[in-house]
Amino acid sequence: MQQEFPDAQVFETRKTELKNPIIFAGFVGAGLVGPVAINHIIEKLEMEEIAVMRSKHLPPSTVFMKGRLRHPFRFYANPEGTACAIICEITLKMEGLYSLVSTILDWAAEKGSKEIVILDGVASNEHDDKAYCAAEEDLVRTMADKDISMIPQGFITGIPGGILNECLVREIQGLTLLAKANKVAPDSGAAATLIEALNRFYEMDIDTTELQEEKDRIHSEFSELSQKYVEHREEIAGMYM
């Protein structure tokens, strides 16, 4: 008998030991800042795919990169098992988001994670080379010391907002780092700004030179996804400052 497609399930493709990892996540938003930044982090930290999200709420789409098929909603881990990354390269509708959010955070809890960081863009006319944050009060003060500004007010919607809301009632710290980003095109400069903020706050050393110097290549690789976001931006996750 054919198995029914799951409401939401983190399907592990590789067995790996995780050690209370910090989780970085990026979803489709302005300038594709989240996916561009997370893709770069995955590459520079030499992460390997460990799982994919299976859900009847995901659109029936797949992703081609350089002719290679890959699942559009993937989970990665570094070799040490201390950091994970979640990347989603398709636009998500509101239907089923609660199931996706709950499944992500159940998986994070099972792996002993205590912190999830969402990287995202805010639609703007121009990037200002600044990183902004939204988090619980104590963390916001700490981030200010690392030149990461607090967002005075605003709304975070879609799956990033759902994750951050759920973190407030679970034993996991949720925060988002944001950068003003191009409204209609992939913004690798904004992605680099967020990674540099991660470097300052978490004492990491992720080189962002490629993001700054290879804007044309990145624009080409992510241009179709960016167009999809522009077409559906009123339906999907986003934040307005």
Protein backbone atom coordinates (compact mmCIF):
# COMPACT_ATOMS: atom_id res chain seq x y z
CA MET A 1 0.00 0.00 0.00
CA GLN A 2 1.33 3.43 -0.94
CA GLN A 3 2.45 5.51 2.03
CA GLU A 4 0.55 8.76 2.55
CA PHE A 5 2.64 11.89 2.05
CA PRO A 6 3.46 13.37 5.48
CA ASP A 7 2.06 16.59 6.91
CA ALA A 8 5.68 17.51 7.70
CA GLN A 9 8.70 15.32 8.37
CA VAL A 10 12.44 15.91 8.66
CA PHE A 11 13.66 12.93 6.64
CA GLU A 12 17.27 12.16 7.53
CA THR A 13 19.42 11.25 4.52
CA ARG A 14 22.64 10.81 6.49
CA LYS A 15 23.27 9.62 10.03
CA THR A 16 25.47 12.05 11.90
CA GLU A 17 26.15 12.86 15.53
CA LEU A 18 25.14 16.38 16.45
CA LYS A 19 26.45 18.11 19.57
CA ASN A 20 23.83 20.65 20.68
CA PRO A 21 24.31 22.56 17.43
CA ILE A 22 23.56 26.19 16.76
CA ILE A 23 21.20 26.36 13.76
CA PHE A 24 21.40 28.96 10.99
CA ALA A 25 18.36 29.19 8.70
CA GLY A 26 17.48 31.06 5.52
CA PHE A 27 14.20 31.23 3.64
CA VAL A 28 13.09 33.03 0.48
CA GLY A 29 12.71 36.77 1.13
CA ALA A 30 13.88 40.15 -0.12
CA GLY A 31 17.13 39.94 -2.07
CA LEU A 32 17.18 36.18 -1.38
CA VAL A 33 19.49 37.18 1.46
CA GLY A 34 18.68 34.08 3.52
CA PRO A 35 19.36 31.42 0.86
CA VAL A 36 22.41 33.26 -0.53
CA ALA A 37 23.96 33.66 2.93
CA ILE A 38 23.15 30.11 4.08
CA ASN A 39 24.45 28.63 0.82
CA HIS A 40 27.75 30.47 1.40
CA ILE A 41 27.94 29.30 5.04
CA ILE A 42 27.34 25.69 3.94
CA GLU A 43 30.18 25.94 1.44
CA LYS A 44 32.68 27.68 3.71
CA LEU A 45 32.03 25.44 6.74
CA GLU A 46 32.19 22.35 4.49
CA MET A 47 28.77 21.22 5.66
CA GLU A 48 27.15 18.05 4.34
CA GLU A 49 23.47 17.45 3.72
CA ILE A 50 21.93 15.39 6.52
CA ALA A 51 18.16 15.70 5.95
CA VAL A 52 15.34 17.13 3.85
CA MET A 53 11.87 18.37 4.71
CA ARG A 54 9.09 16.20 3.33
CA SER A 55 5.65 17.78 3.45
CA LYS A 56 2.42 17.80 1.50
CA HIS A 57 2.40 21.56 2.09
CA LEU A 58 5.50 22.15 -0.05
CA PRO A 59 4.83 23.04 -3.69
CA PRO A 60 5.76 20.20 -6.08
CA SER A 61 9.00 21.84 -7.18
CA THR A 62 12.61 20.79 -7.31
CA VAL A 63 15.81 22.77 -7.77
CA PHE A 64 18.48 22.41 -10.46
CA MET A 65 21.95 23.76 -9.81
CA LYS A 66 24.48 23.24 -12.63
CA GLY A 67 22.29 20.45 -13.98
CA ARG A 68 22.15 18.61 -10.66
CA LEU A 69 18.84 17.86 -8.96
CA ARG A 70 18.52 18.73 -5.31
CA HIS A 71 15.70 18.92 -2.80
CA PRO A 72 14.52 22.51 -2.26
CA PHE A 73 14.30 22.31 1.58
CA ARG A 74 17.50 20.90 3.07
CA PHE A 75 19.31 20.46 6.39
CA TYR A 76 23.11 20.46 6.73
CA ALA A 77 25.72 19.95 9.46
CA ASN A 78 29.41 20.75 9.78
CA PRO A 79 31.88 17.85 10.28
CA GLU A 80 32.16 18.60 14.01
CA GLY A 81 28.36 18.43 14.51
CA THR A 82 28.36 21.81 16.29
CA ALA A 83 26.53 23.82 13.62
CA CYS A 84 23.59 23.12 11.34
CA ALA A 85 22.07 25.03 8.45
CA ILE A 86 18.54 24.98 7.07
CA ILE A 87 17.99 26.33 3.57
CA CYS A 88 14.73 26.57 1.65
CA GLU A 89 14.88 27.63 -2.01
CA ILE A 90 11.17 27.74 -2.84
CA THR A 91 8.45 30.19 -1.93
CA LEU A 92 6.12 28.94 0.79
CA LYS A 93 2.43 29.71 1.14
CA MET A 94 0.76 30.28 4.51
CA GLU A 95 -1.08 26.96 4.39
CA GLY A 96 0.79 24.37 6.42
CA LEU A 97 3.39 26.76 7.86
CA TYR A 98 2.51 25.82 11.44
CA SER A 99 3.25 22.17 10.66
CA LEU A 100 6.59 23.08 9.10
CA VAL A 101 7.55 25.36 12.01
CA SER A 102 6.61 22.78 14.65
CA THR A 103 8.50 20.02 12.83
CA ILE A 104 11.66 22.14 12.50
CA LEU A 105 11.66 23.02 16.20
CA ASP A 106 10.83 19.46 17.29
CA TRP A 107 13.84 18.31 15.27
CA ALA A 108 16.02 21.06 16.80
CA ALA A 109 14.96 20.01 20.32
CA GLU A 110 15.66 16.34 19.54
CA LYS A 111 19.20 17.33 18.49
CA GLY A 112 19.76 19.36 21.66
CA SER A 113 19.96 22.72 19.91
CA LYS A 114 19.61 25.78 22.14
CA GLU A 115 19.72 28.52 19.50
CA ILE A 116 18.35 29.19 16.01
CA VAL A 117 19.43 32.20 13.95
CA ILE A 118 17.34 33.27 10.95
CA LEU A 119 19.05 35.34 8.26
CA ASP A 120 16.72 37.48 6.15
CA GLY A 121 16.42 40.58 4.02
CA VAL A 122 14.20 43.64 4.31
CA ALA A 123 13.05 45.08 0.98
CA SER A 124 14.70 48.46 0.46
CA ASN A 125 15.87 50.77 -2.30
CA GLU A 126 19.50 50.31 -1.29
CA HIS A 127 21.69 48.31 1.06
CA ASP A 128 23.27 50.39 3.87
CA ASP A 129 26.02 47.92 4.94
CA LYS A 130 24.37 47.52 8.35
CA ALA A 131 23.10 44.44 10.16
CA TYR A 132 19.97 44.64 12.31
CA CYS A 133 18.57 42.20 14.86
CA ALA A 134 15.36 41.22 16.58
CA ALA A 135 15.66 39.02 19.66
CA GLU A 136 14.84 38.88 23.33
CA GLU A 137 15.93 41.92 25.32
CA ASP A 138 19.16 40.63 26.89
CA LEU A 139 20.47 39.37 23.57
CA VAL A 140 19.66 42.63 21.77
CA ARG A 141 21.85 44.52 24.25
CA THR A 142 24.73 42.10 23.72
CA MET A 143 24.44 42.40 19.96
CA ALA A 144 24.54 46.18 20.12
CA ASP A 145 28.08 45.84 21.50
CA LYS A 146 29.01 44.06 18.26
CA ASP A 147 27.64 46.84 16.02
CA ILE A 148 24.38 45.02 15.30
CA SER A 149 21.50 47.46 15.64
CA MET A 150 18.10 46.75 17.19
CA ILE A 151 15.04 47.08 14.97
CA PRO A 152 12.75 49.50 16.82
CA GLN A 153 9.51 47.94 15.53
CA GLY A 154 8.04 45.94 12.69
CA PHE A 155 6.47 42.63 11.70
CA ILE A 156 8.12 39.33 10.85
CA THR A 157 5.72 37.07 9.00
CA GLY A 158 5.74 33.70 7.27
CA ILE A 159 7.97 30.87 8.39
CA PRO A 160 10.63 33.15 10.02
CA GLY A 161 7.93 34.78 12.15
CA GLY A 162 6.42 31.41 12.99
CA ILE A 163 9.77 30.00 14.14
CA LEU A 164 10.56 33.07 16.27
CA ASN A 165 7.10 33.00 17.87
CA GLU A 166 7.40 29.33 18.74
CA CYS A 167 10.89 29.87 20.19
CA LEU A 168 9.32 32.23 22.73
CA VAL A 169 7.37 29.34 24.26
CA ARG A 170 10.04 26.64 23.89
CA GLU A 171 13.44 26.10 25.44
CA ILE A 172 15.32 27.40 22.42
CA GLN A 173 16.57 30.92 21.80
CA GLY A 174 15.39 32.45 18.54
CA LEU A 175 16.76 35.54 16.87
CA THR A 176 16.88 37.06 13.42
CA LEU A 177 19.59 39.05 11.70
CA LEU A 178 18.39 41.31 8.91
CA ALA A 179 19.87 43.54 6.24
CA LYS A 180 18.24 46.01 3.88
CA ALA A 181 18.26 44.33 0.49
CA ASN A 182 17.37 44.80 -3.16
CA LYS A 183 13.61 44.45 -3.75
CA VAL A 184 13.86 42.59 -7.05
CA ALA A 185 17.29 40.94 -7.42
CA PRO A 186 19.61 38.64 -5.42
CA ASP A 187 21.64 40.82 -3.06
CA SER A 188 24.95 39.14 -2.25
CA GLY A 189 26.23 42.33 -0.58
CA ALA A 190 23.44 42.18 2.00
CA ALA A 191 24.17 38.47 2.54
CA ALA A 192 27.85 39.31 3.14
CA THR A 193 26.86 41.96 5.70
CA LEU A 194 24.91 39.37 7.71
CA ILE A 195 27.73 36.82 7.61
CA GLU A 196 30.16 39.48 8.80
CA ALA A 197 27.77 40.19 11.69
CA LEU A 198 27.78 36.45 12.51
CA ASN A 199 31.58 36.55 12.44
CA ARG A 200 31.61 39.37 15.00
CA PHE A 201 28.96 37.97 17.32
CA TYR A 202 29.87 34.28 17.26
CA GLU A 203 33.63 34.75 16.77
CA MET A 204 33.53 32.91 13.45
CA ASP A 205 35.81 33.45 10.47
CA ILE A 206 33.74 32.96 7.32
CA ASP A 207 35.34 34.69 4.33
CA THR A 208 32.84 36.84 2.39
CA THR A 209 35.16 37.89 -0.45
CA GLU A 210 33.34 35.73 -3.03
CA LEU A 211 29.98 37.24 -2.12
CA GLN A 212 31.40 40.72 -2.75
CA GLU A 213 33.37 39.89 -5.90
CA GLU A 214 31.13 37.37 -7.70
CA LYS A 215 27.86 39.25 -7.68
CA ASP A 216 27.20 38.52 -11.38
CA ARG A 217 27.56 34.75 -10.91
CA ILE A 218 25.37 34.74 -7.81
CA HIS A 219 22.80 36.93 -9.56
CA SER A 220 22.69 34.44 -12.44
CA GLU A 221 22.37 31.37 -10.18
CA PHE A 222 19.56 32.82 -8.09
CA SER A 223 17.79 35.02 -10.67
CA GLU A 224 14.92 32.62 -11.42
CA LEU A 225 14.20 32.10 -7.72
CA SER A 226 14.34 35.86 -7.19
CA GLN A 227 11.76 36.37 -9.93
CA LYS A 228 9.49 33.79 -8.29
CA TYR A 229 9.78 35.73 -5.03
CA VAL A 230 8.91 39.02 -6.72
CA GLU A 231 5.84 37.39 -8.32
CA HIS A 232 4.61 35.99 -5.00
CA ARG A 233 5.98 38.47 -2.41
CA GLU A 234 2.51 39.42 -1.17
CA GLU A 235 1.81 35.76 -0.34
CA ILE A 236 5.08 34.70 1.26
CA ALA A 237 7.20 35.49 4.28
CA GLY A 238 8.65 38.95 4.62
CA MET A 239 9.30 41.76 7.02
CA TYR A 240 8.48 45.43 6.74
CA MET A 241 10.37 47.97 8.77
